[in-house]
Every structure is written in structure tokens, then in C-alpha cells.
């Protein structure tokens, strides 16, 4: 027999459970109704074709070479009214409003813009179609658009101003040099040592070996070396010291002959010019180096000058020349080869000193003008970077945005 106290306790446990069951039964209709409504909405969206998109706007992309067209449109009204009724947009193009139409891209319903790649001078008509579970809407057609190359890129105004400033500085300093004004150029010990090396060769009764690098005339370092060669030939002509210039490209040989000849003419020694002083050897890298090493070991020139572009042969040349006891002056813009020249040569022109050497030696107004103009342009760029850093630090970003370009 169950005691009365036990029956009371069991009744008390069932009482809260009964209330919970009653409350849950009352809430069920309220929970099921929204789900049913949502299912009804989805069912309607799945059977109704979405409304067409709004106006389609097309525009030739600015600041390009006529290779892009920007297409934008307004969303289908059903996209907001009936969520899920629009799932994607189809973008198509045709030469005219009558077709034939070609699919450009399909984008998600949240995307309302497309950039189409085209060619300069081509005319296209675009249409955009809303697509949903109920099918495709009626396409909305745009007006024709022609892609055109822009005359000016407004996002590169800073580049234009920098170019104008640079050329203005070059013209100003060139004019100053032509008017007779003495422009200051920092002394370069390696260049000052050239005349000393040639004088030593003259005292010893030996020749001067000049190597203009191993690259063709399309290398700017070869051009800079040939400019220096004319000044070196002028000094050797004045001292009546023979000069030997081995080359490895026919065009370089022809220009080197002209440079040496001009140097002798400038020194008033045109009759002392020897066309055989400039020699063509070979275009093969190490065969060319072997020929130069042979000249060093046989003729033992008192001064070796290596100015131009060099690669793996730099150490071979410098070590061979060092073994003959010659004064060696080298210069290159090849960063990887500079250590070999520094340790094995008496003087080394580093980087841009090679390009400045021609202006330093010849004092030619155009070379001086370009040298001074580039120096002042570097100062202006450094100043712009400092100003930009300061303005960015204080939160002013307009200066950086002005210099930003595509």
C-alpha cells in the first residue's frame, strides 16, 4: 500500500509537467504559422517570373585605351519585394539592338555592375536579364556605346607634372651650361685617376687597354662607356700613347672607332689616329674574355680601364690585369659584379657614377644638363616622400592620393 505522503509527492511532480504540456500546446500554432507563411512565399517566388531590371546604363570606361565598357543597372523590383525571386542577372551584348546576342557574364543577384572587355572603336548594345526560380524576365536593353581610347589619363596627372618638372630642369641646366656657366659636378676619384693612369703608361712606353663592356649598343651602360671613351682617347692622343679597344659587337666597334677618332681630332692629333686600335673580337662571352686576357699578358698595357656592363668575366679580367701590375679603373652598374672590381682594381665607379663620368670628363652642355636635371629631380622626389610621410602621420591623405596612379 502506498502511503498518503507518497501520493502527495507524486501529485506535486506531475503538476508542473502538466502546465508545461499545456503551454507548449498553446505556442505550437504561433510557431507553425510563420513557417507556413515563409513556405508559401517561397512557393510563390518559385512559380512567378521576376520583374525586369530597371534602366541599364552603359559608359565607356575612362582613362583607358578603349578596352573596357562599364555596364550598370538597377535591381529588379521583385528582388526586394519577394526575396528569393531573383537569383542572378545575365549580361549580354550584341553589335546592335536586334542581336545576335552573346553572353558576357552571369552575376549574383547582389551585383548590379559589370565591366566588359572590348576593343577600341567597337560599338556594342547590352541587355540585362533577371533570372529566378520562376524563369527569366524580359531583358532590358541599353543604348549603344562605343569604346574609345582616352587622350588623357586623369589618374596620372602627378606623372605628367613630374615629367614636365624633369624636362624643365634639364632644359634649364643645359641652357645654363651652353651660356658658359660652370655647373658643379662632384669630383669622382676614379675619373681623376684616368689621366694619371695614362700618364704612367706614357712614362713606361706602354699602351692603354679600354674595355667597353660585353653588351651591345642597346645597353645604356655601353652608351655611357662610349661617351667616356672619347674623352679617354683625347687624353691618349695628347700624350701620344697608343690605345687598344677590343669590342665584341660590330655596331659597338663602329661607334668606338668614331669615338676614338673624334678624341684624336679634338686633341689636334687627327694624323695619329690608328683605325686598328679598335678591334672586333667575337660575340662569345668567354672567347672575348680570353682574347682580352691574351692582350694583357702579351702586350702588358700599363693601364686597364673596364667601363660598361660586365657579368661573370669581371673577376677574370680584373685578376689577369692585376697579375700584370697595371693600374686598373673599373665601373659598372651591375651590382653583383661590383665586389670583384672593388677588391681587384685600384679605382671603381659605382652605379650612377658611370653615367656621370661622361659629363664630368667632356663638360658637354647636354650631358651636364641631363646630369644636373636628374640630380635635382631626385632631390624633389625625396622631398615629396618626406612631405608625404609627415602628412600621412598627421592624418592628411590627399597628398598621397594625388600621387597614386593606375
Protein backbone atom coordinates (compact mmCIF):
# COMPACT_ATOMS: atom_id res chain seq x y z
CA UNK A 1 0.00 0.00 0.00
CA UNK A 2 1.26 3.43 -0.92
CA UNK A 3 1.29 5.89 1.89
CA UNK A 4 -0.63 9.16 1.69
CA UNK A 5 2.60 11.20 1.83
CA UNK A 6 4.00 9.32 -1.16
CA UNK A 7 0.87 10.00 -3.22
CA UNK A 8 1.11 13.71 -2.41
CA UNK A 9 4.69 13.88 -3.58
CA UNK A 10 3.86 12.18 -6.90
CA UNK A 11 0.95 14.55 -7.46
CA UNK A 12 3.19 17.56 -6.92
CA UNK A 13 5.72 16.25 -9.53
CA UNK A 14 3.00 15.76 -12.18
CA UNK A 15 1.51 19.22 -11.63
CA UNK A 16 4.39 21.29 -13.23
CA UNK A 17 4.66 18.80 -16.10
CA UNK A 18 1.00 19.31 -16.90
CA UNK A 19 1.41 23.04 -17.01
CA UNK A 20 4.42 22.73 -19.38
CA UNK A 21 2.50 20.48 -21.75
CA UNK A 22 -0.44 22.93 -21.80
CA UNK A 23 1.86 25.91 -22.54
CA UNK A 24 3.62 24.09 -25.38
CA UNK A 25 0.26 23.20 -26.96
CA UNK A 26 -0.78 26.84 -26.91
CA UNK A 27 2.51 28.01 -28.54
CA UNK A 28 2.54 25.50 -31.40
CA UNK A 29 0.14 27.46 -33.67
CA UNK A 30 2.19 30.62 -33.29
CA UNK A 31 5.41 28.80 -34.22
CA UNK A 32 4.00 26.93 -37.19
CA UNK A 33 2.21 29.91 -38.79
CA UNK A 34 5.35 31.92 -39.77
CA UNK A 35 7.00 28.82 -41.18
CA UNK A 36 3.93 28.13 -43.26
CA UNK A 37 3.87 31.72 -44.47
CA UNK A 38 7.55 31.57 -45.44
CA UNK A 39 6.95 28.33 -47.30
CA UNK A 40 4.05 29.96 -49.12
CA UNK A 41 6.28 32.91 -50.09
CA UNK A 42 8.99 30.60 -51.38
CA UNK A 43 6.42 28.63 -53.32
CA UNK A 44 5.08 31.82 -54.90
CA UNK A 45 8.62 33.03 -55.72
CA UNK A 46 9.38 29.70 -57.34
CA UNK A 47 6.41 29.97 -59.70
CA UNK A 48 6.39 33.71 -60.56
CA UNK A 49 8.75 35.15 -63.21
CA UNK A 50 10.67 38.11 -61.74
CA UNK A 51 10.05 41.62 -62.99
CA UNK A 52 12.58 43.07 -65.49
CA UNK A 53 15.52 45.09 -64.20
CA UNK A 54 15.41 48.85 -64.24
CA UNK A 55 17.34 51.08 -66.61
CA UNK A 56 20.62 49.71 -67.98
CA UNK A 57 23.37 52.33 -68.21
CA UNK A 58 26.48 51.81 -70.33
CA UNK A 59 29.55 54.05 -70.43
CA UNK A 60 32.97 53.86 -72.00
CA UNK A 61 35.50 53.26 -69.20
CA UNK A 62 37.54 56.42 -68.57
CA UNK A 63 41.33 56.62 -68.50
CA UNK A 64 41.94 53.56 -70.65
CA UNK A 65 42.89 52.64 -74.21
CA UNK A 66 39.34 51.92 -75.30
CA UNK A 67 39.39 48.37 -73.97
CA UNK A 68 36.57 48.42 -71.39
CA UNK A 69 32.89 49.31 -71.10
CA UNK A 70 31.14 49.77 -67.74
CA UNK A 71 27.59 48.34 -67.53
CA UNK A 72 25.32 49.17 -64.56
CA UNK A 73 21.63 48.55 -63.87
CA UNK A 74 19.01 48.91 -61.15
CA UNK A 75 17.77 45.78 -59.40
CA UNK A 76 14.53 44.05 -60.31
CA UNK A 77 11.68 45.34 -58.08
CA UNK A 78 10.92 41.73 -57.09
CA UNK A 79 14.39 41.35 -55.60
CA UNK A 80 13.30 43.36 -52.56
CA UNK A 81 9.55 42.65 -52.67
CA UNK A 82 9.82 38.86 -52.88
CA UNK A 83 13.17 37.61 -51.53
CA UNK A 84 14.44 34.66 -53.50
CA UNK A 85 12.56 35.57 -56.67
CA UNK A 86 15.83 36.80 -58.30
CA UNK A 87 18.90 34.58 -58.14
CA UNK A 88 21.15 36.02 -60.87
CA UNK A 89 21.50 38.53 -63.70
CA UNK A 90 22.59 37.66 -67.23
CA UNK A 91 24.61 40.32 -69.11
CA UNK A 92 24.70 40.01 -72.89
CA UNK A 93 25.93 42.16 -75.76
CA UNK A 94 25.32 42.47 -79.49
CA UNK A 95 26.53 44.71 -82.34
CA UNK A 96 23.02 46.21 -82.44
CA UNK A 97 19.65 46.04 -80.65
CA UNK A 98 18.46 43.24 -82.95
CA UNK A 99 21.30 40.84 -81.99
CA UNK A 100 22.76 38.32 -82.26
CA UNK A 101 23.35 38.35 -78.51
CA UNK A 102 26.43 36.91 -76.85
CA UNK A 103 26.66 36.09 -73.16
CA UNK A 104 29.17 38.36 -71.40
CA UNK A 105 28.77 37.13 -67.85
CA UNK A 106 26.27 35.98 -65.22
CA UNK A 107 26.45 37.63 -61.80
CA UNK A 108 24.76 37.11 -58.45
CA UNK A 109 21.58 38.97 -57.56
CA UNK A 110 23.54 41.23 -55.24
CA UNK A 111 25.74 42.51 -58.10
CA UNK A 112 24.48 45.43 -60.17
CA UNK A 113 27.54 46.25 -62.32
CA UNK A 114 29.79 44.57 -64.86
CA UNK A 115 32.94 45.63 -66.75
CA UNK A 116 33.20 44.17 -70.23
CA UNK A 117 36.47 43.85 -72.14
CA UNK A 118 36.32 45.16 -75.71
CA UNK A 119 38.49 46.85 -78.32
CA UNK A 120 38.99 50.46 -79.31
CA UNK A 121 36.37 51.70 -81.78
CA UNK A 122 33.89 48.84 -81.34
CA UNK A 123 30.18 49.64 -80.76
CA UNK A 124 28.04 47.37 -78.59
CA UNK A 125 24.48 47.22 -77.26
CA UNK A 126 23.95 45.49 -73.92
CA UNK A 127 20.96 43.88 -72.25
CA UNK A 128 20.47 42.54 -68.73
CA UNK A 129 18.04 39.75 -67.80
CA UNK A 130 16.84 38.92 -64.28
CA UNK A 131 16.73 35.18 -63.61
CA UNK A 132 14.85 33.43 -60.80
CA UNK A 133 13.31 30.06 -59.90
CA UNK A 134 10.22 31.04 -61.89
CA UNK A 135 12.22 31.66 -65.08
CA UNK A 136 13.86 34.57 -66.91
CA UNK A 137 12.40 38.07 -67.02
CA UNK A 138 12.07 40.21 -70.13
CA UNK A 139 15.55 41.61 -70.97
CA UNK A 140 16.19 45.32 -70.54
CA UNK A 141 18.22 46.74 -73.46
CA UNK A 142 20.68 49.62 -73.22
CA UNK A 143 21.58 52.28 -75.73
CA UNK A 144 24.62 51.65 -77.97
CA UNK A 145 28.09 52.55 -76.63
CA UNK A 146 31.42 52.89 -78.45
CA UNK A 147 34.70 52.19 -76.69
CA UNK A 148 37.23 54.98 -77.28
CA UNK A 149 40.80 55.46 -76.13
CA UNK A 150 41.21 58.38 -73.75
CA UNK A 151 43.51 61.20 -74.75
CA UNK A 152 44.48 61.86 -71.15
CA UNK A 153 44.58 59.65 -68.08
CA UNK A 154 43.42 61.93 -65.31
CA UNK A 155 44.68 59.46 -62.71
CA UNK A 156 48.26 60.10 -63.83
CA UNK A 157 48.41 63.87 -63.57
CA UNK A 158 51.18 63.50 -60.99
CA UNK A 159 53.30 61.59 -63.53
CA UNK A 160 52.75 64.33 -66.13
CA UNK A 161 53.79 67.04 -63.67
CA UNK A 162 56.89 65.07 -62.68
CA UNK A 163 57.91 64.69 -66.33
CA UNK A 164 57.37 68.38 -67.03
CA UNK A 165 59.44 69.28 -63.97
CA UNK A 166 62.25 66.93 -65.01
CA UNK A 167 62.43 68.17 -68.60
CA UNK A 168 62.21 71.76 -67.38
CA UNK A 169 65.22 71.19 -65.13
CA UNK A 170 67.18 69.53 -67.96
CA UNK A 171 66.44 72.39 -70.37
CA UNK A 172 67.32 74.99 -67.74
CA UNK A 173 70.68 73.46 -66.82
CA UNK A 174 71.53 72.72 -70.45
CA UNK A 175 70.88 76.35 -71.33
CA UNK A 176 72.97 77.46 -68.37
CA UNK A 177 75.88 75.28 -69.47
CA UNK A 178 75.63 76.50 -73.06
CA UNK A 179 75.73 80.10 -71.86
CA UNK A 180 79.09 79.46 -70.23
CA UNK A 181 78.03 78.99 -66.62
CA UNK A 182 80.20 76.50 -64.75
CA UNK A 183 77.99 73.79 -63.30
CA UNK A 184 79.31 71.99 -60.25
CA UNK A 185 79.83 68.25 -60.60
CA UNK A 186 81.17 66.26 -57.68
CA UNK A 187 84.71 65.04 -58.18
CA UNK A 188 84.96 61.32 -58.91
CA UNK A 189 88.34 59.86 -57.83
CA UNK A 190 88.17 57.08 -60.41
CA UNK A 191 87.76 59.57 -63.25
CA UNK A 192 90.50 61.82 -61.88
CA UNK A 193 92.79 58.79 -61.90
CA UNK A 194 92.33 58.16 -65.64
CA UNK A 195 94.74 60.87 -66.68
CA UNK A 196 97.21 59.68 -64.05
CA UNK A 197 96.98 56.11 -65.40
CA UNK A 198 97.50 57.31 -68.97
CA UNK A 199 100.48 59.40 -67.86
CA UNK A 200 102.01 56.31 -66.22
CA UNK A 201 101.52 54.32 -69.41
CA UNK A 202 103.23 57.11 -71.34
CA UNK A 203 106.24 57.08 -68.99
CA UNK A 204 106.53 53.29 -69.31
CA UNK A 205 106.13 53.36 -73.08
CA UNK A 206 103.14 51.00 -72.96
CA UNK A 207 99.58 51.12 -74.24
CA UNK A 208 96.22 51.75 -72.57
CA UNK A 209 93.60 48.97 -72.71
CA UNK A 210 89.97 50.11 -72.77
CA UNK A 211 87.14 47.52 -72.47
CA UNK A 212 83.63 48.97 -73.12
CA UNK A 213 81.75 46.05 -71.55
CA UNK A 214 80.32 42.95 -73.16
CA UNK A 215 76.82 44.09 -74.14
CA UNK A 216 75.56 45.52 -77.43
CA UNK A 217 74.76 49.14 -78.14
CA UNK A 218 71.19 48.76 -76.83
CA UNK A 219 72.57 48.67 -73.28
CA UNK A 220 72.70 52.12 -71.66
CA UNK A 221 75.94 51.19 -69.90
CA UNK A 222 77.62 50.61 -73.27
CA UNK A 223 76.45 54.04 -74.43
CA UNK A 224 77.84 55.64 -71.28
CA UNK A 225 81.15 53.81 -71.77
CA UNK A 226 81.48 55.05 -75.35
CA UNK A 227 80.94 58.63 -74.17
CA UNK A 228 83.82 58.19 -71.74
CA UNK A 229 85.95 56.54 -74.44
CA UNK A 230 86.03 59.74 -76.48
CA UNK A 231 87.46 61.68 -73.53
CA UNK A 232 89.98 58.92 -72.79
CA UNK A 233 91.08 58.87 -76.44
CA UNK A 234 91.55 62.63 -76.32
CA UNK A 235 93.98 62.27 -73.41
CA UNK A 236 95.89 59.38 -75.05
CA UNK A 237 96.17 61.45 -78.23
CA UNK A 238 97.56 64.39 -76.29
CA UNK A 239 100.12 62.15 -74.58
CA UNK A 240 100.80 60.20 -77.81
CA UNK A 241 100.05 56.95 -76.04
CA UNK A 242 98.57 54.04 -78.01
CA UNK A 243 95.10 52.84 -77.00
CA UNK A 244 93.64 49.38 -77.63
CA UNK A 245 89.84 48.91 -77.63
CA UNK A 246 88.64 45.30 -78.13
CA UNK A 247 84.90 45.02 -78.84
CA UNK A 248 82.52 42.10 -79.17
CA UNK A 249 79.76 43.56 -81.38
CA UNK A 250 80.11 45.09 -84.88
CA UNK A 251 77.94 48.12 -84.08
CA UNK A 252 79.91 48.80 -80.91
CA UNK A 253 83.15 48.54 -82.89
CA UNK A 254 81.91 51.09 -85.47
CA UNK A 255 80.85 53.59 -82.81
CA UNK A 256 84.04 53.02 -80.81
CA UNK A 257 86.10 53.83 -83.92
CA UNK A 258 84.18 57.10 -84.30
CA UNK A 259 84.66 57.97 -80.64
CA UNK A 260 88.40 57.34 -80.72
CA UNK A 261 88.71 59.26 -83.97
CA UNK A 262 86.76 62.22 -82.54
CA UNK A 263 89.02 62.19 -79.48
CA UNK A 264 92.13 62.43 -81.64
CA UNK A 265 90.60 65.20 -83.73
CA UNK A 266 89.62 67.15 -80.59
CA UNK A 267 93.20 66.85 -79.35
CA UNK A 268 94.55 68.17 -82.70
CA UNK A 269 96.15 64.83 -83.49
CA UNK A 270 93.97 63.51 -86.29
CA UNK A 271 97.01 62.09 -88.07
CA UNK A 272 97.85 59.95 -85.03
CA UNK A 273 94.59 58.00 -85.14
CA UNK A 274 95.06 54.30 -85.89
CA UNK A 275 91.90 52.56 -87.20
CA UNK A 276 93.32 49.24 -85.99
CA UNK A 277 93.32 50.41 -82.39
CA UNK A 278 89.64 49.43 -82.20
CA UNK A 279 89.25 45.70 -82.85
CA UNK A 280 86.32 43.34 -83.26
CA UNK A 281 86.95 40.06 -81.46
CA UNK A 282 83.83 37.88 -81.06
CA UNK A 283 80.35 37.91 -79.59
CA UNK A 284 81.07 34.83 -77.46
CA UNK A 285 81.45 35.91 -73.85
CA UNK A 286 84.40 33.86 -72.64
CA UNK A 287 86.15 33.78 -76.00
CA UNK A 288 86.09 37.59 -75.83
CA UNK A 289 87.49 37.49 -72.30
CA UNK A 290 90.23 35.06 -73.37
CA UNK A 291 91.27 37.42 -76.18
CA UNK A 292 91.48 40.36 -73.76
CA UNK A 293 93.50 38.27 -71.30
CA UNK A 294 95.88 37.43 -74.14
CA UNK A 295 96.35 41.13 -74.90
CA UNK A 296 97.13 41.79 -71.23
CA UNK A 297 99.69 39.00 -70.98
CA UNK A 298 101.38 39.70 -74.33
CA UNK A 299 101.37 43.49 -74.57
CA UNK A 300 101.27 44.21 -70.81
CA UNK A 301 99.37 47.54 -71.04
CA UNK A 302 100.19 49.89 -68.17
CA UNK A 303 96.55 50.94 -67.65
CA UNK A 304 93.43 48.81 -67.90
CA UNK A 305 90.07 50.58 -67.99
CA UNK A 306 86.88 48.48 -67.70
CA UNK A 307 83.76 50.61 -68.06
CA UNK A 308 80.38 49.18 -69.07
CA UNK A 309 78.24 46.14 -68.44
CA UNK A 310 80.02 43.05 -67.09
CA UNK A 311 78.97 39.67 -65.77
CA UNK A 312 80.91 36.57 -64.71
CA UNK A 313 84.01 37.69 -66.61
CA UNK A 314 84.61 40.69 -64.35
CA UNK A 315 86.83 38.82 -61.90
CA UNK A 316 88.73 37.06 -64.72
CA UNK A 317 89.60 40.39 -66.33
CA UNK A 318 90.45 42.14 -63.06
CA UNK A 319 92.65 39.30 -61.74
CA UNK A 320 94.52 38.95 -65.03
CA UNK A 321 95.17 42.69 -65.16
CA UNK A 322 96.27 42.70 -61.52
CA UNK A 323 98.82 39.98 -62.24
CA UNK A 324 100.46 42.21 -64.89
CA UNK A 325 100.88 45.12 -62.46
CA UNK A 326 98.71 47.56 -64.43
CA UNK A 327 96.72 50.41 -62.93
CA UNK A 328 93.08 49.32 -63.17
CA UNK A 329 89.99 51.52 -63.25
CA UNK A 330 86.59 49.83 -63.45
CA UNK A 331 82.98 50.91 -63.42
CA UNK A 332 79.64 49.18 -63.85
CA UNK A 333 76.01 49.37 -62.82
CA UNK A 334 75.82 45.60 -62.36
CA UNK A 335 75.56 45.39 -58.58
CA UNK A 336 76.60 41.72 -58.44
CA UNK A 337 79.94 42.45 -60.17
CA UNK A 338 80.97 45.49 -58.15
CA UNK A 339 82.62 43.49 -55.31
CA UNK A 340 85.04 41.83 -57.75
CA UNK A 341 86.08 45.16 -59.24
CA UNK A 342 86.40 46.77 -55.81
CA UNK A 343 88.84 44.14 -54.50
CA UNK A 344 90.91 43.71 -57.67
CA UNK A 345 91.05 47.24 -59.17
CA UNK A 346 92.63 50.46 -57.97
CA UNK A 347 89.54 52.60 -58.59
CA UNK A 348 85.89 51.64 -59.10
CA UNK A 349 82.97 53.72 -60.37
CA UNK A 350 79.85 52.53 -58.57
CA UNK A 351 76.42 52.63 -60.19
CA UNK A 352 75.43 56.07 -61.43
CA UNK A 353 78.99 57.34 -61.29
CA UNK A 354 79.43 55.51 -64.59
CA UNK A 355 76.74 57.68 -66.20
CA UNK A 356 78.05 60.87 -64.60
CA UNK A 357 81.60 60.22 -65.79
CA UNK A 358 80.86 61.20 -69.39
CA UNK A 359 79.56 64.62 -68.34
CA UNK A 360 82.39 65.02 -65.82
CA UNK A 361 85.08 64.43 -68.44
CA UNK A 362 83.61 66.10 -71.53
CA UNK A 363 81.79 69.03 -69.87
CA UNK A 364 79.40 68.79 -72.82
CA UNK A 365 76.37 71.04 -72.09
CA UNK A 366 73.72 68.44 -72.96
CA UNK A 367 75.33 65.81 -70.75
CA UNK A 368 75.79 68.29 -67.92
CA UNK A 369 72.19 69.48 -68.26
CA UNK A 370 70.77 65.95 -68.06
CA UNK A 371 73.06 65.11 -65.13
CA UNK A 372 72.12 68.19 -63.10
CA UNK A 373 68.45 67.86 -64.04
CA UNK A 374 68.32 64.25 -62.81
CA UNK A 375 70.11 65.20 -59.58
CA UNK A 376 67.63 67.97 -58.78
CA UNK A 377 64.74 65.70 -59.73
CA UNK A 378 65.95 63.15 -57.19
CA UNK A 379 66.01 65.91 -54.56
CA UNK A 380 62.43 66.85 -55.48
CA UNK A 381 61.26 63.23 -55.21
CA UNK A 382 62.94 62.77 -51.84
CA UNK A 383 61.31 65.99 -50.62
CA UNK A 384 57.91 64.73 -51.85
CA UNK A 385 58.37 61.45 -49.97
CA UNK A 386 59.30 63.28 -46.76
CA UNK A 387 56.32 65.63 -47.06
CA UNK A 388 54.04 62.67 -47.77
CA UNK A 389 55.26 60.82 -44.69
CA UNK A 390 54.68 63.86 -42.49
CA UNK A 391 51.16 64.45 -43.87
CA UNK A 392 50.24 60.78 -43.50
CA UNK A 393 51.45 60.88 -39.91
CA UNK A 394 49.08 63.75 -39.08
CA UNK A 395 46.20 62.08 -40.94
CA UNK A 396 46.17 64.08 -44.20
CA UNK A 397 45.87 61.59 -47.10
CA UNK A 398 45.12 63.92 -50.04
CA UNK A 399 48.81 64.31 -50.89
CA UNK A 400 49.26 60.54 -51.17
CA UNK A 401 46.09 60.20 -53.24
CA UNK A 402 47.36 62.82 -55.69
CA UNK A 403 50.45 60.77 -56.40
CA UNK A 404 48.55 57.47 -56.65
CA UNK A 405 48.17 56.17 -60.22
CA UNK A 406 46.85 53.12 -62.02
